[in-house]
Amino acid sequence: MGYYVNSKDGKEKWLRDHNVGVQHGTPRLPKDKDLALVVLVDNMAFTAAGIVFSQAELKAFTLPNDTRPKKTFYVPKKDLVEAGFIKMEAFEY
């Protein structure tokens, strides 16, 4: 897992301000190619907002034995790129 939302204002606030939808249930890649999936994972001591940039990354966030609480968001790829969290070329979908 390699790309994360890390904003000086806090990842949760950044996701609230930039998401275009919250996904419920098992995380899925968005049908809209302009959107990315971001998974906010509660690690108890801290949260991490991982950017799902590939099918392999999606599998890593949906392992059946991973019981950490998660929230999933759809975010415009351009917002993630403009914030410097990831480069557009890193997305495999």
N, C-alpha and C. Protein backbone atom coordinates (compact mmCIF):
# COMPACT_ATOMS: atom_id res chain seq x y z
N MET A 1 0.85 -1.17 0.00
CA MET A 1 0.00 0.00 0.00
C MET A 1 0.89 1.23 0.00
N GLY A 2 0.65 2.10 -1.00
CA GLY A 2 1.63 3.14 -1.13
C GLY A 2 1.19 4.58 -1.21
N TYR A 3 -0.06 4.91 -1.45
CA TYR A 3 -0.48 6.30 -1.59
C TYR A 3 -1.56 6.61 -0.57
N TYR A 4 -1.39 7.75 0.11
CA TYR A 4 -2.30 8.10 1.19
C TYR A 4 -2.70 9.56 1.11
N VAL A 5 -3.88 9.87 1.64
CA VAL A 5 -4.32 11.24 1.83
C VAL A 5 -3.73 11.71 3.16
N ASN A 6 -2.88 12.71 3.10
CA ASN A 6 -2.29 13.31 4.30
C ASN A 6 -2.36 14.81 4.15
N SER A 7 -3.38 15.41 4.71
CA SER A 7 -3.60 16.85 4.59
C SER A 7 -3.26 17.54 5.90
N LYS A 8 -2.71 18.74 5.81
CA LYS A 8 -2.39 19.49 7.04
C LYS A 8 -3.65 19.78 7.85
N ASP A 9 -4.82 19.82 7.20
CA ASP A 9 -6.08 20.05 7.89
C ASP A 9 -6.71 18.75 8.40
N GLY A 10 -6.07 17.63 8.14
CA GLY A 10 -6.58 16.33 8.57
C GLY A 10 -7.22 15.58 7.42
N LYS A 11 -6.94 14.30 7.35
CA LYS A 11 -7.45 13.47 6.24
C LYS A 11 -8.96 13.36 6.25
N GLU A 12 -9.56 13.28 7.45
CA GLU A 12 -11.01 13.16 7.53
C GLU A 12 -11.69 14.41 6.96
N LYS A 13 -11.17 15.60 7.31
CA LYS A 13 -11.74 16.84 6.80
C LYS A 13 -11.55 16.92 5.29
N TRP A 14 -10.36 16.55 4.82
CA TRP A 14 -10.10 16.60 3.38
C TRP A 14 -11.08 15.69 2.64
N LEU A 15 -11.31 14.51 3.16
CA LEU A 15 -12.26 13.58 2.52
C LEU A 15 -13.69 14.13 2.56
N ARG A 16 -14.08 14.74 3.66
CA ARG A 16 -15.42 15.34 3.73
C ARG A 16 -15.57 16.43 2.67
N ASP A 17 -14.52 17.22 2.48
CA ASP A 17 -14.57 18.35 1.55
C ASP A 17 -14.48 17.94 0.08
N HIS A 18 -13.89 16.78 -0.21
CA HIS A 18 -13.61 16.41 -1.60
C HIS A 18 -14.35 15.18 -2.11
N ASN A 19 -15.02 14.45 -1.24
CA ASN A 19 -15.68 13.23 -1.73
C ASN A 19 -16.97 13.58 -2.45
N VAL A 20 -17.30 12.74 -3.42
CA VAL A 20 -18.55 12.92 -4.17
C VAL A 20 -19.53 11.79 -3.86
N GLY A 21 -19.16 10.98 -2.89
CA GLY A 21 -20.04 9.89 -2.49
C GLY A 21 -19.35 8.95 -1.53
N VAL A 22 -20.11 8.44 -0.59
CA VAL A 22 -19.62 7.44 0.34
C VAL A 22 -20.16 6.10 -0.12
N GLN A 23 -19.31 5.12 -0.15
CA GLN A 23 -19.73 3.79 -0.58
C GLN A 23 -19.99 2.93 0.65
N HIS A 24 -21.05 2.16 0.61
CA HIS A 24 -21.39 1.25 1.70
C HIS A 24 -21.19 -0.18 1.23
N GLY A 25 -20.85 -1.05 2.17
CA GLY A 25 -20.63 -2.45 1.81
C GLY A 25 -19.20 -2.69 1.36
N THR A 26 -19.01 -3.76 0.61
CA THR A 26 -17.69 -4.13 0.14
C THR A 26 -17.15 -3.09 -0.83
N PRO A 27 -15.93 -2.58 -0.60
CA PRO A 27 -15.37 -1.58 -1.51
C PRO A 27 -15.27 -2.09 -2.95
N ARG A 28 -15.65 -1.22 -3.88
CA ARG A 28 -15.58 -1.51 -5.31
C ARG A 28 -14.96 -0.33 -6.03
N LEU A 29 -14.26 -0.61 -7.10
CA LEU A 29 -13.73 0.49 -7.90
C LEU A 29 -14.89 1.25 -8.53
N PRO A 30 -14.76 2.56 -8.66
CA PRO A 30 -15.86 3.34 -9.24
C PRO A 30 -16.03 3.04 -10.72
N LYS A 31 -17.26 3.16 -11.21
CA LYS A 31 -17.53 2.98 -12.64
C LYS A 31 -17.07 4.21 -13.42
N ASP A 32 -17.11 5.37 -12.79
CA ASP A 32 -16.68 6.62 -13.41
C ASP A 32 -15.15 6.68 -13.38
N LYS A 33 -14.51 6.70 -14.54
CA LYS A 33 -13.06 6.67 -14.64
C LYS A 33 -12.39 7.93 -14.10
N ASP A 34 -13.16 8.98 -13.83
CA ASP A 34 -12.60 10.21 -13.26
C ASP A 34 -12.53 10.17 -11.74
N LEU A 35 -13.09 9.11 -11.15
CA LEU A 35 -13.12 8.99 -9.69
C LEU A 35 -12.15 7.92 -9.21
N ALA A 36 -11.71 8.10 -7.97
CA ALA A 36 -10.86 7.11 -7.30
C ALA A 36 -11.57 6.67 -6.02
N LEU A 37 -11.21 5.50 -5.56
CA LEU A 37 -11.71 4.97 -4.30
C LEU A 37 -10.65 5.26 -3.23
N VAL A 38 -11.08 5.84 -2.11
CA VAL A 38 -10.20 6.07 -0.97
C VAL A 38 -10.81 5.35 0.22
N VAL A 39 -9.99 4.56 0.91
CA VAL A 39 -10.47 3.80 2.06
C VAL A 39 -9.86 4.38 3.34
N LEU A 40 -10.72 4.85 4.22
CA LEU A 40 -10.29 5.35 5.52
C LEU A 40 -10.33 4.18 6.49
N VAL A 41 -9.16 3.81 7.00
CA VAL A 41 -9.01 2.64 7.86
C VAL A 41 -8.74 3.10 9.29
N ASP A 42 -9.49 2.57 10.23
CA ASP A 42 -9.28 2.88 11.65
C ASP A 42 -8.33 1.84 12.22
N ASN A 43 -7.10 2.27 12.50
CA ASN A 43 -6.08 1.39 13.07
C ASN A 43 -6.05 1.47 14.60
N MET A 44 -7.09 1.99 15.19
CA MET A 44 -7.27 2.20 16.62
C MET A 44 -6.39 3.36 17.13
N ALA A 45 -5.09 3.32 16.94
CA ALA A 45 -4.22 4.40 17.40
C ALA A 45 -4.22 5.58 16.43
N PHE A 46 -4.55 5.34 15.18
CA PHE A 46 -4.57 6.37 14.15
C PHE A 46 -5.41 5.88 12.98
N THR A 47 -5.76 6.81 12.10
CA THR A 47 -6.46 6.42 10.88
C THR A 47 -5.52 6.59 9.70
N ALA A 48 -5.79 5.86 8.64
CA ALA A 48 -5.04 5.99 7.39
C ALA A 48 -6.06 6.05 6.26
N ALA A 49 -5.81 6.94 5.31
CA ALA A 49 -6.71 7.08 4.16
C ALA A 49 -5.95 6.63 2.92
N GLY A 50 -6.08 5.37 2.59
CA GLY A 50 -5.36 4.78 1.47
C GLY A 50 -6.08 5.00 0.15
N ILE A 51 -5.30 5.41 -0.84
CA ILE A 51 -5.84 5.61 -2.19
C ILE A 51 -5.73 4.30 -2.94
N VAL A 52 -6.85 3.78 -3.39
CA VAL A 52 -6.87 2.52 -4.13
C VAL A 52 -6.55 2.85 -5.60
N PHE A 53 -5.35 2.49 -6.03
CA PHE A 53 -4.90 2.86 -7.38
C PHE A 53 -4.85 1.68 -8.34
N SER A 54 -5.14 0.47 -7.84
CA SER A 54 -5.08 -0.72 -8.70
C SER A 54 -5.99 -1.81 -8.14
N GLN A 55 -6.19 -2.83 -8.96
CA GLN A 55 -6.98 -3.99 -8.52
C GLN A 55 -6.27 -4.69 -7.36
N ALA A 56 -4.95 -4.78 -7.40
CA ALA A 56 -4.19 -5.41 -6.32
C ALA A 56 -4.37 -4.64 -5.01
N GLU A 57 -4.38 -3.32 -5.10
CA GLU A 57 -4.60 -2.49 -3.91
C GLU A 57 -6.00 -2.71 -3.35
N LEU A 58 -6.97 -2.85 -4.23
CA LEU A 58 -8.34 -3.14 -3.79
C LEU A 58 -8.38 -4.46 -3.03
N LYS A 59 -7.70 -5.47 -3.54
CA LYS A 59 -7.65 -6.77 -2.85
C LYS A 59 -7.04 -6.62 -1.46
N ALA A 60 -6.00 -5.81 -1.35
CA ALA A 60 -5.34 -5.61 -0.06
C ALA A 60 -6.29 -4.98 0.96
N PHE A 61 -7.19 -4.13 0.50
CA PHE A 61 -8.13 -3.47 1.40
C PHE A 61 -9.37 -4.32 1.68
N THR A 62 -9.53 -5.44 1.01
CA THR A 62 -10.74 -6.26 1.19
C THR A 62 -10.42 -7.69 1.63
N LEU A 63 -9.28 -7.89 2.23
CA LEU A 63 -8.94 -9.22 2.73
C LEU A 63 -9.95 -9.65 3.78
N PRO A 64 -10.45 -10.88 3.69
CA PRO A 64 -11.50 -11.32 4.61
C PRO A 64 -11.07 -11.32 6.08
N ASN A 65 -9.78 -11.48 6.36
CA ASN A 65 -9.33 -11.53 7.76
C ASN A 65 -8.98 -10.14 8.30
N ASP A 66 -9.14 -9.09 7.51
CA ASP A 66 -8.89 -7.73 7.96
C ASP A 66 -10.19 -7.16 8.52
N THR A 67 -10.29 -7.12 9.83
CA THR A 67 -11.54 -6.71 10.47
C THR A 67 -11.51 -5.25 10.95
N ARG A 68 -10.50 -4.49 10.56
CA ARG A 68 -10.45 -3.09 10.98
C ARG A 68 -11.65 -2.33 10.39
N PRO A 69 -12.22 -1.42 11.17
CA PRO A 69 -13.32 -0.61 10.63
C PRO A 69 -12.84 0.26 9.46
N LYS A 70 -13.68 0.35 8.42
CA LYS A 70 -13.32 1.11 7.23
C LYS A 70 -14.52 1.90 6.74
N LYS A 71 -14.21 3.07 6.14
CA LYS A 71 -15.20 3.87 5.40
C LYS A 71 -14.60 4.09 4.03
N THR A 72 -15.42 4.03 3.02
CA THR A 72 -14.91 4.20 1.65
C THR A 72 -15.58 5.40 0.99
N PHE A 73 -14.78 6.13 0.24
CA PHE A 73 -15.20 7.37 -0.39
C PHE A 73 -14.82 7.36 -1.87
N TYR A 74 -15.65 7.99 -2.68
CA TYR A 74 -15.30 8.27 -4.07
C TYR A 74 -14.83 9.72 -4.14
N VAL A 75 -13.64 9.92 -4.70
CA VAL A 75 -13.01 11.23 -4.77
C VAL A 75 -12.53 11.46 -6.20
N PRO A 76 -12.70 12.65 -6.75
CA PRO A 76 -12.16 12.92 -8.08
C PRO A 76 -10.64 12.71 -8.10
N LYS A 77 -10.18 11.96 -9.08
CA LYS A 77 -8.74 11.71 -9.22
C LYS A 77 -7.97 13.03 -9.29
N LYS A 78 -8.54 14.00 -10.02
CA LYS A 78 -7.83 15.27 -10.19
C LYS A 78 -7.61 15.97 -8.85
N ASP A 79 -8.52 15.83 -7.91
CA ASP A 79 -8.34 16.43 -6.59
C ASP A 79 -7.17 15.79 -5.85
N LEU A 80 -7.07 14.47 -5.94
CA LEU A 80 -5.96 13.75 -5.30
C LEU A 80 -4.62 14.14 -5.92
N VAL A 81 -4.61 14.29 -7.25
CA VAL A 81 -3.39 14.67 -7.96
C VAL A 81 -3.01 16.11 -7.62
N GLU A 82 -3.98 17.02 -7.68
CA GLU A 82 -3.70 18.44 -7.39
C GLU A 82 -3.21 18.65 -5.97
N ALA A 83 -3.65 17.81 -5.04
CA ALA A 83 -3.19 17.90 -3.65
C ALA A 83 -1.80 17.30 -3.46
N GLY A 84 -1.31 16.60 -4.49
CA GLY A 84 0.03 16.01 -4.42
C GLY A 84 0.09 14.66 -3.74
N PHE A 85 -1.05 14.01 -3.56
CA PHE A 85 -1.08 12.71 -2.89
C PHE A 85 -0.67 11.56 -3.81
N ILE A 86 -0.85 11.74 -5.11
CA ILE A 86 -0.58 10.69 -6.09
C ILE A 86 -0.43 11.34 -7.45
N LYS A 87 0.25 10.66 -8.37
CA LYS A 87 0.33 11.13 -9.77
C LYS A 87 -0.69 10.38 -10.59
N MET A 88 -1.23 11.05 -11.58
CA MET A 88 -2.27 10.44 -12.41
C MET A 88 -1.78 9.12 -13.04
N GLU A 89 -0.51 9.04 -13.39
CA GLU A 89 0.04 7.84 -14.02
C GLU A 89 0.01 6.62 -13.10
N ALA A 90 -0.12 6.83 -11.82
CA ALA A 90 -0.12 5.71 -10.87
C ALA A 90 -1.43 4.92 -10.91
N PHE A 91 -2.50 5.55 -11.37
CA PHE A 91 -3.79 4.85 -11.42
C PHE A 91 -3.78 3.81 -12.54
N GLU A 92 -4.18 2.61 -12.19
CA GLU A 92 -4.25 1.52 -13.17
C GLU A 92 -5.69 1.28 -13.64
N TYR A 93 -6.58 2.18 -13.31
CA TYR A 93 -7.97 2.08 -13.76
C TYR A 93 -8.48 3.45 -14.12
